Protein backbone atom coordinates (compact mmCIF):
# COMPACT_ATOMS: atom_id res chain seq x y z
CA UNK A 1 -61.42 26.06 285.47
CA UNK A 2 -57.80 26.30 286.55
CA UNK A 3 -55.55 23.36 285.70
CA UNK A 4 -53.91 21.46 288.53
CA UNK A 5 -50.20 21.92 289.12
CA UNK A 6 -49.61 18.46 287.62
CA UNK A 7 -51.46 19.45 284.42
CA UNK A 8 -49.47 22.68 284.21
CA UNK A 9 -46.24 20.78 284.93
CA UNK A 10 -46.98 18.24 282.17
CA UNK A 11 -47.77 20.98 279.66
CA UNK A 12 -44.62 22.97 280.47
CA UNK A 13 -42.50 19.80 280.48
CA UNK A 14 -43.89 18.82 277.07
CA UNK A 15 -43.00 22.22 275.64
CA UNK A 16 -39.50 22.10 277.14
CA UNK A 17 -38.88 18.59 275.78
CA UNK A 18 -40.17 19.65 272.35
CA UNK A 19 -37.89 22.70 272.22
CA UNK A 20 -34.82 20.76 273.37
CA UNK A 21 -35.58 17.82 271.05
CA UNK A 22 -35.83 20.13 268.05
CA UNK A 23 -32.53 21.84 268.85
CA UNK A 24 -30.57 18.70 269.85
CA UNK A 25 -27.53 18.51 270.05
CA UNK A 26 -27.26 22.32 270.03
CA UNK A 27 -27.54 23.71 273.56
CA UNK A 28 -30.09 26.50 273.99
CA UNK A 29 -31.15 28.85 276.76
CA UNK A 30 -34.55 28.30 278.33
CA UNK A 31 -36.21 31.53 279.45
CA UNK A 32 -39.55 31.90 281.20
CA UNK A 33 -40.90 34.21 278.48
CA UNK A 34 -40.55 31.46 275.85
CA UNK A 35 -43.19 29.52 277.78
CA UNK A 36 -45.40 32.39 278.98
CA UNK A 37 -48.51 31.03 277.27
CA UNK A 38 -48.31 27.77 279.24
CA UNK A 39 -47.58 29.54 282.51
CA UNK A 40 -50.28 32.20 282.40
CA UNK A 41 -53.51 30.49 283.25
CA UNK A 42 -55.71 33.10 284.93
CA UNK A 43 -54.49 36.55 283.94
CA UNK A 44 -51.60 38.12 282.07
CA UNK A 45 -48.38 38.62 283.99
CA UNK A 46 -48.56 42.01 285.66
CA UNK A 47 -45.86 44.62 285.25
CA UNK A 48 -44.91 44.08 288.91
CA UNK A 49 -44.52 40.31 288.32
CA UNK A 50 -42.34 41.01 285.29
CA UNK A 51 -39.95 42.96 287.52
CA UNK A 52 -40.14 40.95 290.73
CA UNK A 53 -41.06 37.42 289.72
CA UNK A 54 -44.21 35.81 290.97
CA UNK A 55 -45.96 32.48 290.71
CA UNK A 56 -45.45 31.87 286.95
CA UNK A 57 -41.72 32.49 287.32
CA UNK A 58 -41.47 30.33 290.42
CA UNK A 59 -43.39 27.54 288.68
CA UNK A 60 -41.06 27.73 285.65
CA UNK A 61 -37.89 27.70 287.74
CA UNK A 62 -39.06 24.80 289.91
CA UNK A 63 -40.14 22.75 286.90
CA UNK A 64 -36.84 23.18 285.05
CA UNK A 65 -34.86 22.55 288.23
CA UNK A 66 -36.80 19.31 288.80
CA UNK A 67 -36.13 18.18 285.21
CA UNK A 68 -32.42 18.85 285.78
CA UNK A 69 -32.29 17.07 289.14
CA UNK A 70 -34.24 14.11 287.74
CA UNK A 71 -31.77 13.63 284.91
CA UNK A 72 -33.81 14.74 281.90
CA UNK A 73 -32.14 18.11 281.19
CA UNK A 74 -28.61 19.46 281.55
CA UNK A 75 -27.93 23.16 282.08
CA UNK A 76 -24.22 23.72 281.63
CA UNK A 77 -23.88 27.28 282.92
CA UNK A 78 -25.56 29.61 285.37
CA UNK A 79 -27.30 32.44 283.64
CA UNK A 80 -26.93 36.03 284.74
CA UNK A 81 -30.49 36.64 283.51
CA UNK A 82 -33.40 35.94 285.84
CA UNK A 83 -35.61 32.93 285.09
CA UNK A 84 -33.18 31.64 282.48
CA UNK A 85 -31.36 28.31 282.37
CA UNK A 86 -28.33 28.61 280.13
CA UNK A 87 -26.95 26.18 277.59
CA UNK A 88 -29.52 23.39 278.04
CA UNK A 89 -29.74 20.07 276.25
CA UNK A 90 -31.48 16.77 276.75
CA UNK A 91 -29.62 14.09 278.68
CA UNK A 92 -28.89 10.71 277.11
CA UNK A 93 -31.81 9.27 279.11
CA UNK A 94 -34.26 11.88 277.81
CA UNK A 95 -33.02 11.56 274.24
CA UNK A 96 -33.34 7.76 274.34
CA UNK A 97 -36.94 8.02 275.54
CA UNK A 98 -37.85 10.73 273.02
CA UNK A 99 -36.35 8.73 270.16
CA UNK A 100 -38.33 5.64 271.15
CA UNK A 101 -41.05 4.52 268.78
CA UNK A 102 -44.08 3.18 270.64
CA UNK A 103 -45.38 -0.03 269.07
CA UNK A 104 -48.95 1.27 269.15
CA UNK A 105 -48.05 4.20 266.89
CA UNK A 106 -45.66 2.57 264.45
CA UNK A 107 -43.17 4.94 262.88
CA UNK A 108 -43.42 8.17 264.87
CA UNK A 109 -41.06 8.83 267.77
CA UNK A 110 -42.32 10.24 271.06
CA UNK A 111 -40.20 13.33 270.40
CA UNK A 112 -41.78 13.78 266.99
CA UNK A 113 -45.29 13.37 268.38
CA UNK A 114 -44.48 15.79 271.22
CA UNK A 115 -43.11 18.37 268.78
CA UNK A 116 -46.21 18.07 266.58
CA UNK A 117 -48.51 18.50 269.58
CA UNK A 118 -46.56 21.59 270.70
CA UNK A 119 -46.75 23.15 267.21
CA UNK A 120 -50.46 22.35 266.89
CA UNK A 121 -51.26 23.73 270.34
CA UNK A 122 -52.76 20.37 271.32
CA UNK A 123 -52.48 20.95 275.06
CA UNK A 124 -54.12 17.74 276.25
CA UNK A 125 -52.02 15.62 273.87
CA UNK A 126 -48.89 17.50 274.97
CA UNK A 127 -49.66 16.75 278.63
CA UNK A 128 -50.33 13.08 277.86
CA UNK A 129 -47.08 12.68 275.90
CA UNK A 130 -45.02 14.48 278.56
CA UNK A 131 -46.37 12.07 281.16
CA UNK A 132 -45.48 9.14 278.91
CA UNK A 133 -41.91 10.44 278.45
CA UNK A 134 -41.43 10.90 282.21
CA UNK A 135 -42.87 7.45 282.89
CA UNK A 136 -40.64 5.77 280.33
CA UNK A 137 -37.64 7.67 281.66
CA UNK A 138 -38.36 6.40 285.16
CA UNK A 139 -38.69 2.84 283.84
CA UNK A 140 -35.41 3.19 281.99
CA UNK A 141 -33.65 4.38 285.15
CA UNK A 142 -35.07 1.49 287.20
CA UNK A 143 -34.09 -1.10 284.58
CA UNK A 144 -30.58 0.34 284.40
CA UNK A 145 -30.22 0.26 288.17
CA UNK A 146 -31.51 -3.33 288.34
CA UNK A 147 -29.08 -4.44 285.62
CA UNK A 148 -26.21 -2.73 287.39
CA UNK A 149 -26.93 -4.43 290.72
CA UNK A 150 -27.18 -7.88 289.16
């Protein structure tokens, strides 16, 4: 059964966060082929799609663009390569959330748990943790805005 777009988004987001967390503070390029396994859900990317794009590429670009616009990822330069976001790092907001240690776990950061899930190929755990990071990031933004207005 094909995953929903939200499931695919969570999985890709988890992998992106894991990669950026591991490399922080060193900026890295994010290219669609680094995440091909998470993007290909029905059939391998055809030769035509490799040359012209297609749904997996569009999904990748839209996901990364959303993470940038939502304040989780910074891409410092435009890339001349297709489906590549150049010189990316986590924002302060994303890093703060990924470095948080949930009380229920005791000792392991969200970023560490996310990285372990990505390495182990634990897709459902990766999706769950990505959702938790996005949720905590939203809460952090709301709390900051509320403090600023008061």
